[in-house]
Amino acid sequence: MDLDVQAFIFDLDGLMVNSEDLSLIAWRRVLAPYGKSLDEHDYFVLIGQDSRASAQQVIESSGIPLNWDQLSQAHWQELISIIERDLKPRLGLIDLVQDIVKSGYPLAIASNSPSDYVEQAVKAIGLRESFGCVVGRDQVTQGKPAPDVYLAAAACLSVVPTRCLAFEDSPTGLQAALAAGMRCIVVPNDHLPHADFTGAYLRCETLDAVHAALDGLLKGRDPK
């Protein structure tokens, strides 16, 4: 199958960086003054959702006296303070990105997180210059699973969406990439080992495995 890839678009949280673990810590810190917490099961449901949907779900489950915007802002502020110290790239990410850049392909990020947070996170792991475009949830009308962030990223790169290859770690992100008309390689989030990734072009357990398959993908060999 000839992919005819002209650009690569990455999700951020959980795929590129360990932010899902840090986000849970941030939620717990925000909820602690109200005598509330968030267990891992309830948190797993939030993975892949945008900030509004996540905040509304936390409010419903905890009953804290904040609206979604107040809670979302408190969470992002807490998370940003944490990532400055503890954010780490996922194993294999740096080599994968560097090899794609060396091959001459443009890259973008399409995230369900706010763009200022995304910018800070990518800078924190030293990869901001590798990505020509960064699109966050606040820059589009609808977040994932709608295709908006992926379509905006493709437009920013001036590449037709069907010629973009997406990388995702959640079913929500996969749905967004597919809705944009893109093929999508899935590296399942550590917290979602049994999630349904029907429709993925390829499933790899690690970014190192994606990297190993990259040469064949760029030459149009079907990995299946």
Protein backbone atom coordinates (compact mmCIF):
# COMPACT_ATOMS: atom_id res chain seq x y z
CA MET A 1 0.00 0.00 0.00
CA ASP A 2 1.47 3.33 -1.05
CA LEU A 3 1.10 5.81 1.80
CA ASP A 4 2.44 8.76 -0.19
CA VAL A 5 3.31 10.42 3.12
CA GLN A 6 4.13 14.12 2.93
CA ALA A 7 3.92 15.08 6.62
CA PHE A 8 3.68 13.62 10.11
CA ILE A 9 1.37 14.86 12.86
CA PHE A 10 1.84 13.88 16.49
CA ASP A 11 -0.48 13.86 19.46
CA LEU A 12 1.28 15.12 22.59
CA ASP A 13 0.03 13.84 25.94
CA GLY A 14 0.78 10.21 26.63
CA LEU A 15 2.34 9.69 23.21
CA MET A 16 5.29 12.11 23.21
CA VAL A 17 5.62 12.78 26.93
CA ASN A 18 4.76 11.27 30.32
CA SER A 19 2.21 14.00 30.99
CA GLU A 20 -0.66 11.61 31.73
CA ASP A 21 1.04 10.54 34.96
CA LEU A 22 1.79 14.17 35.83
CA SER A 23 -1.76 15.24 35.01
CA LEU A 24 -3.15 12.82 37.60
CA ILE A 25 -0.83 14.35 40.20
CA ALA A 26 -2.06 17.83 39.21
CA TRP A 27 -5.72 16.80 39.51
CA ARG A 28 -5.12 15.38 42.97
CA ARG A 29 -3.36 18.56 44.11
CA VAL A 30 -6.23 20.73 42.87
CA LEU A 31 -8.86 18.55 44.55
CA ALA A 32 -7.01 18.10 47.87
CA PRO A 33 -8.09 21.46 49.43
CA TYR A 34 -11.71 20.34 48.96
CA GLY A 35 -11.09 17.02 50.68
CA LYS A 36 -11.44 15.16 47.38
CA SER A 37 -9.21 13.00 45.23
CA LEU A 38 -9.27 11.17 41.91
CA ASP A 39 -8.61 7.46 41.68
CA GLU A 40 -6.85 5.91 38.72
CA HIS A 41 -10.00 4.32 37.29
CA ASP A 42 -11.82 7.66 37.16
CA TYR A 43 -8.74 9.31 35.70
CA PHE A 44 -8.35 6.77 32.89
CA VAL A 45 -11.77 7.85 31.57
CA LEU A 46 -10.38 11.37 31.07
CA ILE A 47 -7.48 10.32 28.83
CA GLY A 48 -7.84 11.81 25.36
CA GLN A 49 -10.63 14.22 26.31
CA ASP A 50 -10.29 17.99 26.02
CA SER A 51 -10.04 20.22 29.09
CA ARG A 52 -13.72 21.14 29.26
CA ALA A 53 -14.97 17.57 29.08
CA SER A 54 -12.38 16.46 31.63
CA ALA A 55 -13.21 19.27 34.06
CA GLN A 56 -16.94 18.67 33.79
CA GLN A 57 -16.47 14.98 34.52
CA VAL A 58 -14.29 15.72 37.56
CA ILE A 59 -16.89 18.18 38.87
CA GLU A 60 -19.64 15.59 38.48
CA SER A 61 -17.65 12.89 40.25
CA SER A 62 -16.27 15.08 43.05
CA GLY A 63 -18.99 17.68 43.58
CA ILE A 64 -16.52 20.50 44.16
CA PRO A 65 -17.94 24.08 43.97
CA LEU A 66 -16.18 25.25 40.79
CA ASN A 67 -17.34 25.64 37.21
CA TRP A 68 -15.53 23.85 34.42
CA ASP A 69 -13.47 26.88 33.41
CA GLN A 70 -12.24 27.56 36.96
CA LEU A 71 -11.32 23.93 37.51
CA SER A 72 -9.67 23.58 34.11
CA GLN A 73 -7.54 26.69 34.68
CA ALA A 74 -6.51 25.50 38.14
CA HIS A 75 -5.50 22.11 36.73
CA TRP A 76 -3.44 23.55 33.87
CA GLN A 77 -1.65 25.98 36.16
CA GLU A 78 -0.75 23.13 38.50
CA LEU A 79 0.32 20.91 35.64
CA ILE A 80 2.55 23.56 34.09
CA SER A 81 4.35 23.99 37.41
CA ILE A 82 4.97 20.24 37.48
CA ILE A 83 6.17 19.79 33.90
CA GLU A 84 8.88 22.39 34.33
CA ARG A 85 10.59 19.88 36.60
CA ASP A 86 9.27 16.40 35.84
CA LEU A 87 8.22 16.19 32.17
CA LYS A 88 10.13 13.55 30.21
CA PRO A 89 10.00 12.44 26.55
CA ARG A 90 8.70 8.94 25.94
CA LEU A 91 11.34 6.33 25.16
CA GLY A 92 12.28 6.45 21.49
CA LEU A 93 10.65 9.83 20.77
CA ILE A 94 13.82 11.86 20.24
CA ASP A 95 15.35 9.44 17.74
CA LEU A 96 12.05 9.06 15.88
CA VAL A 97 11.53 12.80 15.51
CA GLN A 98 15.14 13.47 14.55
CA ASP A 99 15.11 10.81 11.83
CA ILE A 100 11.85 12.13 10.36
CA VAL A 101 13.30 15.64 10.28
CA LYS A 102 16.50 14.37 8.67
CA SER A 103 14.38 12.71 5.99
CA GLY A 104 12.97 16.12 5.09
CA TYR A 105 9.37 15.68 6.21
CA PRO A 106 7.49 18.48 8.00
CA LEU A 107 6.02 17.76 11.43
CA ALA A 108 3.17 19.19 13.48
CA ILE A 109 1.47 18.58 16.79
CA ALA A 110 -2.32 18.29 17.09
CA SER A 111 -3.35 18.24 20.75
CA ASN A 112 -6.52 18.31 22.82
CA SER A 113 -4.63 20.42 25.36
CA PRO A 114 -4.36 24.25 25.38
CA SER A 115 -1.74 25.57 22.97
CA ASP A 116 0.25 27.49 25.60
CA TYR A 117 0.70 24.29 27.59
CA VAL A 118 1.62 22.35 24.45
CA GLU A 119 4.22 24.94 23.50
CA GLN A 120 5.77 24.82 26.96
CA ALA A 121 5.79 21.02 27.03
CA VAL A 122 7.53 20.69 23.65
CA LYS A 123 10.09 23.29 24.64
CA ALA A 124 10.71 21.44 27.91
CA ILE A 125 11.82 18.32 26.04
CA GLY A 126 13.90 20.28 23.54
CA LEU A 127 11.91 19.52 20.39
CA ARG A 128 10.06 22.76 19.62
CA GLU A 129 12.24 23.58 16.59
CA SER A 130 11.47 20.19 15.04
CA PHE A 131 7.77 21.00 14.67
CA GLY A 132 6.69 23.51 12.07
CA CYS A 133 3.19 23.83 13.54
CA VAL A 134 1.62 23.35 16.96
CA VAL A 135 -2.18 23.28 17.21
CA GLY A 136 -4.03 23.13 20.54
CA ARG A 137 -7.67 22.68 21.48
CA ASP A 138 -8.15 26.43 22.05
CA GLN A 139 -7.33 27.17 18.40
CA VAL A 140 -10.23 25.19 16.91
CA THR A 141 -14.00 24.93 17.25
CA GLN A 142 -14.16 21.34 18.48
CA GLY A 143 -11.65 19.10 20.21
CA LYS A 144 -10.99 15.44 19.53
CA PRO A 145 -12.72 13.15 18.56
CA ALA A 146 -13.73 15.84 16.05
CA PRO A 147 -11.06 16.24 13.33
CA ASP A 148 -10.53 19.99 13.82
CA VAL A 149 -7.04 19.96 15.36
CA TYR A 150 -5.75 17.54 12.73
CA LEU A 151 -7.26 19.50 9.87
CA ALA A 152 -5.80 22.73 11.28
CA ALA A 153 -2.36 21.12 11.63
CA ALA A 154 -2.44 19.86 8.04
CA ALA A 155 -3.53 23.29 6.80
CA CYS A 156 -0.72 24.93 8.76
CA LEU A 157 1.77 22.61 7.07
CA SER A 158 0.09 23.20 3.68
CA VAL A 159 -0.32 19.45 3.23
CA VAL A 160 -3.50 17.66 2.14
CA PRO A 161 -4.87 15.73 5.18
CA THR A 162 -4.90 12.41 3.32
CA ARG A 163 -1.15 12.77 2.82
CA CYS A 164 -0.51 13.14 6.55
CA LEU A 165 0.33 10.24 8.85
CA ALA A 166 -0.86 10.69 12.43
CA PHE A 167 0.50 9.23 15.65
CA GLU A 168 -1.87 8.67 18.57
CA ASP A 169 -2.17 6.85 21.90
CA SER A 170 -5.92 6.98 22.64
CA PRO A 171 -9.15 5.90 20.90
CA THR A 172 -10.36 9.52 21.04
CA GLY A 173 -7.30 10.70 19.15
CA LEU A 174 -7.51 7.86 16.66
CA GLN A 175 -11.12 8.79 15.88
CA ALA A 176 -10.06 12.40 15.28
CA ALA A 177 -7.26 11.42 12.89
CA LEU A 178 -9.51 9.06 10.95
CA ALA A 179 -12.25 11.69 10.76
CA ALA A 180 -9.67 14.03 9.20
CA GLY A 181 -9.00 11.44 6.50
CA MET A 182 -5.56 10.49 7.80
CA ARG A 183 -4.00 7.13 8.41
CA CYS A 184 -2.95 6.71 12.02
CA ILE A 185 -0.30 4.71 13.81
CA VAL A 186 -1.27 3.91 17.38
CA VAL A 187 1.09 3.45 20.31
CA PRO A 188 -1.40 2.54 23.07
CA ASN A 189 -1.33 4.66 26.20
CA ASP A 190 0.13 2.70 29.13
CA HIS A 191 -3.14 3.26 30.99
CA LEU A 192 -5.30 1.97 28.10
CA PRO A 193 -3.87 -1.45 27.20
CA HIS A 194 -7.26 -2.93 26.30
CA ALA A 195 -8.74 0.04 24.42
CA ASP A 196 -10.37 -0.40 21.02
CA PHE A 197 -8.10 0.87 18.26
CA THR A 198 -10.10 -0.42 15.33
CA GLY A 199 -9.19 1.51 12.19
CA ALA A 200 -5.54 2.11 13.05
CA TYR A 201 -3.16 1.69 10.12
CA LEU A 202 -0.59 0.12 12.42
CA ARG A 203 -0.33 -0.62 16.13
CA CYS A 204 3.09 -0.52 17.80
CA GLU A 205 3.69 -1.07 21.49
CA THR A 206 6.48 1.52 21.68
CA LEU A 207 7.85 4.48 19.76
CA ASP A 208 11.01 2.44 19.24
CA ALA A 209 8.87 -0.04 17.28
CA VAL A 210 7.48 2.83 15.20
CA HIS A 211 11.02 3.99 14.54
CA ALA A 212 12.03 0.50 13.43
CA ALA A 213 9.13 0.42 10.95
CA LEU A 214 9.73 3.96 9.69
CA ASP A 215 11.96 3.16 6.74
CA GLY A 216 9.43 0.71 5.33
CA LEU A 217 6.58 3.12 5.91
CA LEU A 218 8.32 5.90 4.01
CA LYS A 219 9.03 3.54 1.13
CA GLY A 220 5.38 2.59 0.96
CA ARG A 221 5.67 -1.01 2.20
CA ASP A 222 2.51 -2.27 3.89
CA PRO A 223 3.49 -3.32 7.44
CA LYS A 224 0.46 -5.58 7.88
